Amino acid sequence: MSKYSKVIAAVVATVLAAILAAMTGDNTISSTEWVNVAILGVGAVGTYFGPNVPGAVYTKSILAVLTAVLTVLVSAIVGGISTTEWLQIALAALGALGVYQLKNVDGNTNLSYTGTVGVS
């Protein structure tokens, strides 16, 4: 694991959501699907800049969950949820789970920070 494991999970979810939107449904990316990709991208940036310290162990996970919730809201509010949008929502949820579950390892102290309180 690296100290960027959580942000890598968020970036992978973003890239997969964009690829998925281009390759499923009508093979074009709708404006709603682009908004979902943009939300996931902003979530990845938030995950990168979120603190990685024992006192704020849930910050990155909370940002990832909020990103997934926004993805659901945009899809639901704008004309219903298509199959492609359901798949993007699933990727957002899996990205949030990855951010929560993966450990970031600080190379300077060799400590691992997880999504739970305490240092493992």
N, C-alpha and C. Protein backbone atom coordinates (compact mmCIF):
# COMPACT_ATOMS: atom_id res chain seq x y z
N MET A 1 0.83 -1.18 0.00
CA MET A 1 0.00 0.00 0.00
C MET A 1 0.88 1.25 0.00
N SER A 2 0.33 2.31 -0.54
CA SER A 2 1.06 3.57 -0.53
C SER A 2 0.25 4.60 0.23
N LYS A 3 0.82 5.78 0.39
CA LYS A 3 0.07 6.83 1.08
C LYS A 3 -1.00 7.42 0.17
N TYR A 4 -1.07 6.96 -1.07
CA TYR A 4 -2.09 7.43 -2.02
C TYR A 4 -3.12 6.36 -2.37
N SER A 5 -3.21 5.30 -1.59
CA SER A 5 -4.13 4.21 -1.90
C SER A 5 -5.58 4.67 -2.00
N LYS A 6 -6.00 5.51 -1.08
CA LYS A 6 -7.39 5.97 -1.08
C LYS A 6 -7.70 6.83 -2.30
N VAL A 7 -6.80 7.72 -2.66
CA VAL A 7 -7.04 8.58 -3.82
C VAL A 7 -6.96 7.77 -5.11
N ILE A 8 -6.13 6.75 -5.15
CA ILE A 8 -6.08 5.89 -6.33
C ILE A 8 -7.42 5.19 -6.52
N ALA A 9 -8.03 4.72 -5.44
CA ALA A 9 -9.36 4.09 -5.53
C ALA A 9 -10.38 5.07 -6.08
N ALA A 10 -10.34 6.32 -5.65
CA ALA A 10 -11.29 7.32 -6.12
C ALA A 10 -11.05 7.65 -7.60
N VAL A 11 -9.80 7.74 -8.01
CA VAL A 11 -9.48 8.03 -9.42
C VAL A 11 -9.90 6.87 -10.31
N VAL A 12 -9.65 5.65 -9.88
CA VAL A 12 -10.05 4.47 -10.66
C VAL A 12 -11.57 4.46 -10.85
N ALA A 13 -12.33 4.76 -9.80
CA ALA A 13 -13.79 4.82 -9.92
C ALA A 13 -14.20 5.89 -10.92
N THR A 14 -13.53 7.04 -10.92
CA THR A 14 -13.85 8.12 -11.85
C THR A 14 -13.58 7.71 -13.29
N VAL A 15 -12.41 7.15 -13.53
CA VAL A 15 -12.04 6.74 -14.90
C VAL A 15 -12.97 5.64 -15.40
N LEU A 16 -13.27 4.67 -14.56
CA LEU A 16 -14.17 3.60 -14.96
C LEU A 16 -15.58 4.11 -15.24
N ALA A 17 -16.03 5.10 -14.47
CA ALA A 17 -17.36 5.69 -14.71
C ALA A 17 -17.41 6.38 -16.07
N ALA A 18 -16.34 7.04 -16.46
CA ALA A 18 -16.30 7.70 -17.77
C ALA A 18 -16.26 6.66 -18.89
N ILE A 19 -15.43 5.63 -18.74
CA ILE A 19 -15.34 4.58 -19.76
C ILE A 19 -16.67 3.85 -19.88
N LEU A 20 -17.28 3.55 -18.74
CA LEU A 20 -18.55 2.86 -18.71
C LEU A 20 -19.62 3.67 -19.43
N ALA A 21 -19.67 4.97 -19.19
CA ALA A 21 -20.67 5.82 -19.83
C ALA A 21 -20.49 5.84 -21.34
N ALA A 22 -19.25 5.78 -21.80
CA ALA A 22 -18.98 5.82 -23.23
C ALA A 22 -19.29 4.49 -23.92
N MET A 23 -19.23 3.40 -23.17
CA MET A 23 -19.34 2.09 -23.80
C MET A 23 -20.68 1.38 -23.55
N THR A 24 -21.56 1.93 -22.73
CA THR A 24 -22.83 1.27 -22.46
C THR A 24 -23.98 2.14 -22.92
N GLY A 25 -25.16 1.58 -22.87
CA GLY A 25 -26.36 2.32 -23.28
C GLY A 25 -26.32 2.66 -24.76
N ASP A 26 -26.38 3.94 -25.06
CA ASP A 26 -26.40 4.39 -26.46
C ASP A 26 -25.02 4.73 -27.00
N ASN A 27 -23.98 4.35 -26.30
CA ASN A 27 -22.58 4.58 -26.69
C ASN A 27 -22.21 6.05 -26.81
N THR A 28 -22.94 6.91 -26.16
CA THR A 28 -22.59 8.32 -26.05
C THR A 28 -22.69 8.71 -24.59
N ILE A 29 -21.98 9.75 -24.22
CA ILE A 29 -22.02 10.21 -22.83
C ILE A 29 -23.00 11.37 -22.75
N SER A 30 -24.10 11.16 -22.03
CA SER A 30 -25.11 12.21 -21.87
C SER A 30 -24.61 13.27 -20.89
N SER A 31 -25.33 14.38 -20.84
CA SER A 31 -24.92 15.45 -19.93
C SER A 31 -24.99 14.98 -18.47
N THR A 32 -25.98 14.20 -18.13
CA THR A 32 -26.09 13.68 -16.76
C THR A 32 -24.92 12.75 -16.44
N GLU A 33 -24.54 11.93 -17.40
CA GLU A 33 -23.41 11.03 -17.18
C GLU A 33 -22.10 11.81 -17.04
N TRP A 34 -21.95 12.90 -17.80
CA TRP A 34 -20.78 13.76 -17.65
C TRP A 34 -20.76 14.41 -16.27
N VAL A 35 -21.93 14.83 -15.80
CA VAL A 35 -22.01 15.43 -14.46
C VAL A 35 -21.60 14.40 -13.41
N ASN A 36 -22.04 13.15 -13.57
CA ASN A 36 -21.64 12.10 -12.64
C ASN A 36 -20.12 11.91 -12.64
N VAL A 37 -19.51 11.92 -13.83
CA VAL A 37 -18.06 11.78 -13.92
C VAL A 37 -17.39 12.98 -13.24
N ALA A 38 -17.93 14.18 -13.47
CA ALA A 38 -17.35 15.38 -12.85
C ALA A 38 -17.45 15.31 -11.33
N ILE A 39 -18.59 14.86 -10.82
CA ILE A 39 -18.76 14.72 -9.36
C ILE A 39 -17.73 13.73 -8.81
N LEU A 40 -17.56 12.61 -9.50
CA LEU A 40 -16.57 11.63 -9.04
C LEU A 40 -15.16 12.20 -9.10
N GLY A 41 -14.88 13.02 -10.12
CA GLY A 41 -13.57 13.67 -10.22
C GLY A 41 -13.32 14.63 -9.08
N VAL A 42 -14.33 15.43 -8.75
CA VAL A 42 -14.21 16.36 -7.61
C VAL A 42 -14.05 15.57 -6.32
N GLY A 43 -14.75 14.44 -6.21
CA GLY A 43 -14.60 13.59 -5.03
C GLY A 43 -13.18 13.04 -4.91
N ALA A 44 -12.57 12.68 -6.04
CA ALA A 44 -11.19 12.20 -6.02
C ALA A 44 -10.24 13.31 -5.55
N VAL A 45 -10.48 14.53 -6.02
CA VAL A 45 -9.65 15.67 -5.57
C VAL A 45 -9.84 15.90 -4.07
N GLY A 46 -11.09 15.82 -3.62
CA GLY A 46 -11.35 15.96 -2.18
C GLY A 46 -10.68 14.88 -1.36
N THR A 47 -10.67 13.66 -1.90
CA THR A 47 -9.99 12.57 -1.21
C THR A 47 -8.49 12.82 -1.14
N TYR A 48 -7.92 13.38 -2.20
CA TYR A 48 -6.49 13.69 -2.21
C TYR A 48 -6.15 14.75 -1.17
N PHE A 49 -6.97 15.80 -1.09
CA PHE A 49 -6.65 16.90 -0.18
C PHE A 49 -7.17 16.70 1.24
N GLY A 50 -7.99 15.68 1.46
CA GLY A 50 -8.46 15.39 2.81
C GLY A 50 -7.29 14.98 3.69
N PRO A 51 -7.33 15.34 4.97
CA PRO A 51 -6.20 15.02 5.85
C PRO A 51 -6.03 13.52 6.01
N ASN A 52 -4.80 13.12 6.19
CA ASN A 52 -4.44 11.71 6.36
C ASN A 52 -3.74 11.55 7.71
N VAL A 53 -4.48 11.88 8.75
CA VAL A 53 -3.92 11.86 10.09
C VAL A 53 -4.85 11.08 11.02
N PRO A 54 -4.33 10.54 12.12
CA PRO A 54 -5.18 9.75 13.03
C PRO A 54 -6.37 10.53 13.58
N GLY A 55 -6.27 11.84 13.74
CA GLY A 55 -7.37 12.62 14.28
C GLY A 55 -8.52 12.83 13.32
N ALA A 56 -8.32 12.50 12.05
CA ALA A 56 -9.36 12.70 11.03
C ALA A 56 -9.47 11.45 10.16
N VAL A 57 -9.65 10.31 10.80
CA VAL A 57 -9.63 9.04 10.09
C VAL A 57 -10.83 8.84 9.16
N TYR A 58 -11.92 9.55 9.39
CA TYR A 58 -13.11 9.35 8.56
C TYR A 58 -13.27 10.39 7.47
N THR A 59 -12.42 11.40 7.40
CA THR A 59 -12.60 12.49 6.46
C THR A 59 -12.66 12.00 5.02
N LYS A 60 -11.70 11.21 4.59
CA LYS A 60 -11.66 10.73 3.21
C LYS A 60 -12.88 9.84 2.91
N SER A 61 -13.28 9.02 3.86
CA SER A 61 -14.44 8.15 3.66
C SER A 61 -15.73 8.96 3.56
N ILE A 62 -15.87 9.97 4.40
CA ILE A 62 -17.07 10.81 4.35
C ILE A 62 -17.14 11.55 3.02
N LEU A 63 -16.01 12.07 2.54
CA LEU A 63 -16.00 12.74 1.24
C LEU A 63 -16.38 11.77 0.12
N ALA A 64 -15.92 10.55 0.19
CA ALA A 64 -16.25 9.55 -0.84
C ALA A 64 -17.74 9.19 -0.80
N VAL A 65 -18.29 9.05 0.39
CA VAL A 65 -19.72 8.74 0.51
C VAL A 65 -20.57 9.92 0.01
N LEU A 66 -20.19 11.14 0.35
CA LEU A 66 -20.91 12.31 -0.16
C LEU A 66 -20.87 12.36 -1.68
N THR A 67 -19.75 11.99 -2.27
CA THR A 67 -19.62 11.93 -3.73
C THR A 67 -20.60 10.92 -4.30
N ALA A 68 -20.69 9.76 -3.70
CA ALA A 68 -21.62 8.73 -4.18
C ALA A 68 -23.08 9.20 -4.04
N VAL A 69 -23.40 9.86 -2.93
CA VAL A 69 -24.76 10.37 -2.72
C VAL A 69 -25.10 11.43 -3.76
N LEU A 70 -24.17 12.33 -4.05
CA LEU A 70 -24.42 13.35 -5.08
C LEU A 70 -24.64 12.71 -6.45
N THR A 71 -23.92 11.65 -6.74
CA THR A 71 -24.10 10.94 -8.01
C THR A 71 -25.52 10.37 -8.10
N VAL A 72 -26.01 9.80 -7.01
CA VAL A 72 -27.38 9.28 -6.99
C VAL A 72 -28.38 10.42 -7.17
N LEU A 73 -28.19 11.50 -6.43
CA LEU A 73 -29.14 12.62 -6.50
C LEU A 73 -29.23 13.22 -7.90
N VAL A 74 -28.08 13.45 -8.54
CA VAL A 74 -28.10 14.02 -9.89
C VAL A 74 -28.85 13.11 -10.84
N SER A 75 -28.55 11.82 -10.78
CA SER A 75 -29.21 10.88 -11.68
C SER A 75 -30.71 10.79 -11.42
N ALA A 76 -31.10 10.79 -10.16
CA ALA A 76 -32.52 10.66 -9.81
C ALA A 76 -33.32 11.91 -10.14
N ILE A 77 -32.71 13.07 -9.93
CA ILE A 77 -33.45 14.33 -10.13
C ILE A 77 -33.61 14.65 -11.60
N VAL A 78 -32.60 14.33 -12.40
CA VAL A 78 -32.63 14.70 -13.82
C VAL A 78 -33.19 13.55 -14.65
N GLY A 79 -34.49 13.41 -14.69
CA GLY A 79 -35.15 12.51 -15.62
C GLY A 79 -35.09 11.02 -15.32
N GLY A 80 -34.83 10.63 -14.11
CA GLY A 80 -34.79 9.21 -13.80
C GLY A 80 -33.41 8.62 -14.02
N ILE A 81 -33.26 7.38 -13.60
CA ILE A 81 -31.94 6.75 -13.62
C ILE A 81 -31.90 5.70 -14.73
N SER A 82 -30.98 5.88 -15.67
CA SER A 82 -30.80 4.92 -16.77
C SER A 82 -29.89 3.78 -16.29
N THR A 83 -29.78 2.75 -17.11
CA THR A 83 -28.92 1.62 -16.78
C THR A 83 -27.47 2.07 -16.61
N THR A 84 -27.00 2.93 -17.50
CA THR A 84 -25.63 3.43 -17.40
C THR A 84 -25.43 4.20 -16.11
N GLU A 85 -26.42 5.01 -15.73
CA GLU A 85 -26.31 5.78 -14.49
C GLU A 85 -26.32 4.86 -13.28
N TRP A 86 -27.11 3.77 -13.32
CA TRP A 86 -27.07 2.80 -12.23
C TRP A 86 -25.68 2.21 -12.09
N LEU A 87 -25.05 1.92 -13.22
CA LEU A 87 -23.70 1.37 -13.18
C LEU A 87 -22.71 2.40 -12.63
N GLN A 88 -22.90 3.68 -13.00
CA GLN A 88 -22.04 4.74 -12.45
C GLN A 88 -22.25 4.88 -10.94
N ILE A 89 -23.48 4.76 -10.51
CA ILE A 89 -23.77 4.82 -9.07
C ILE A 89 -23.08 3.66 -8.35
N ALA A 90 -23.14 2.47 -8.95
CA ALA A 90 -22.48 1.31 -8.35
C ALA A 90 -20.97 1.55 -8.26
N LEU A 91 -20.37 2.14 -9.30
CA LEU A 91 -18.94 2.46 -9.25
C LEU A 91 -18.64 3.50 -8.18
N ALA A 92 -19.51 4.49 -8.03
CA ALA A 92 -19.32 5.50 -6.98
C ALA A 92 -19.36 4.85 -5.60
N ALA A 93 -20.31 3.93 -5.41
CA ALA A 93 -20.42 3.23 -4.13
C ALA A 93 -19.20 2.34 -3.89
N LEU A 94 -18.76 1.62 -4.92
CA LEU A 94 -17.56 0.79 -4.77
C LEU A 94 -16.32 1.65 -4.51
N GLY A 95 -16.25 2.81 -5.16
CA GLY A 95 -15.14 3.73 -4.90
C GLY A 95 -15.14 4.19 -3.46
N ALA A 96 -16.32 4.51 -2.93
CA ALA A 96 -16.43 4.93 -1.53
C ALA A 96 -16.01 3.80 -0.59
N LEU A 97 -16.42 2.58 -0.90
CA LEU A 97 -16.01 1.43 -0.09
C LEU A 97 -14.50 1.23 -0.16
N GLY A 98 -13.93 1.43 -1.34
CA GLY A 98 -12.48 1.30 -1.49
C GLY A 98 -11.74 2.35 -0.68
N VAL A 99 -12.24 3.59 -0.72
CA VAL A 99 -11.61 4.66 0.05
C VAL A 99 -11.68 4.34 1.54
N TYR A 100 -12.81 3.81 1.99
CA TYR A 100 -12.95 3.45 3.40
C TYR A 100 -12.03 2.29 3.78
N GLN A 101 -12.00 1.27 2.94
CA GLN A 101 -11.32 0.02 3.29
C GLN A 101 -9.80 0.06 3.12
N LEU A 102 -9.32 0.75 2.09
CA LEU A 102 -7.88 0.74 1.82
C LEU A 102 -7.11 1.51 2.87
N LYS A 103 -5.90 1.05 3.13
CA LYS A 103 -5.04 1.72 4.10
C LYS A 103 -4.09 2.65 3.36
N ASN A 104 -3.86 3.80 3.94
CA ASN A 104 -2.80 4.70 3.47
C ASN A 104 -1.61 4.49 4.39
N VAL A 105 -0.45 4.30 3.81
CA VAL A 105 0.76 4.10 4.59
C VAL A 105 1.61 5.35 4.45
N ASP A 106 1.94 5.94 5.56
CA ASP A 106 2.80 7.11 5.57
C ASP A 106 4.24 6.63 5.54
N GLY A 107 4.96 6.94 4.46
CA GLY A 107 6.32 6.46 4.29
C GLY A 107 7.29 6.98 5.33
N ASN A 108 6.98 8.11 5.99
CA ASN A 108 7.90 8.68 6.96
C ASN A 108 7.85 7.98 8.31
N THR A 109 6.69 7.50 8.69
CA THR A 109 6.56 6.91 10.02
C THR A 109 6.24 5.43 10.00
N ASN A 110 5.96 4.88 8.81
CA ASN A 110 5.59 3.48 8.65
C ASN A 110 4.33 3.12 9.45
N LEU A 111 3.44 4.07 9.59
CA LEU A 111 2.16 3.81 10.24
C LEU A 111 1.09 3.68 9.18
N SER A 112 0.12 2.82 9.43
CA SER A 112 -1.00 2.65 8.50
C SER A 112 -2.24 3.26 9.12
N TYR A 113 -2.95 4.06 8.34
CA TYR A 113 -4.20 4.64 8.80
C TYR A 113 -5.33 3.97 8.04
N THR A 114 -6.33 3.46 8.75
CA THR A 114 -7.45 2.80 8.12
C THR A 114 -8.69 3.65 8.32
N GLY A 115 -9.81 3.14 7.89
CA GLY A 115 -11.08 3.84 8.04
C GLY A 115 -11.64 3.71 9.46
N THR A 116 -10.92 3.10 10.36
CA THR A 116 -11.39 2.95 11.73
C THR A 116 -10.49 3.74 12.66
N VAL A 117 -10.98 4.01 13.84
CA VAL A 117 -10.22 4.77 14.81
C VAL A 117 -9.06 3.92 15.30
N GLY A 118 -7.90 4.52 15.40
CA GLY A 118 -6.72 3.82 15.89
C GLY A 118 -5.71 3.61 14.78
N VAL A 119 -4.56 3.19 15.16
CA VAL A 119 -3.47 2.94 14.22
C VAL A 119 -3.20 1.46 14.21
N SER A 120 -3.11 0.89 13.00
CA SER A 120 -2.83 -0.54 12.93
C SER A 120 -1.43 -0.78 12.47
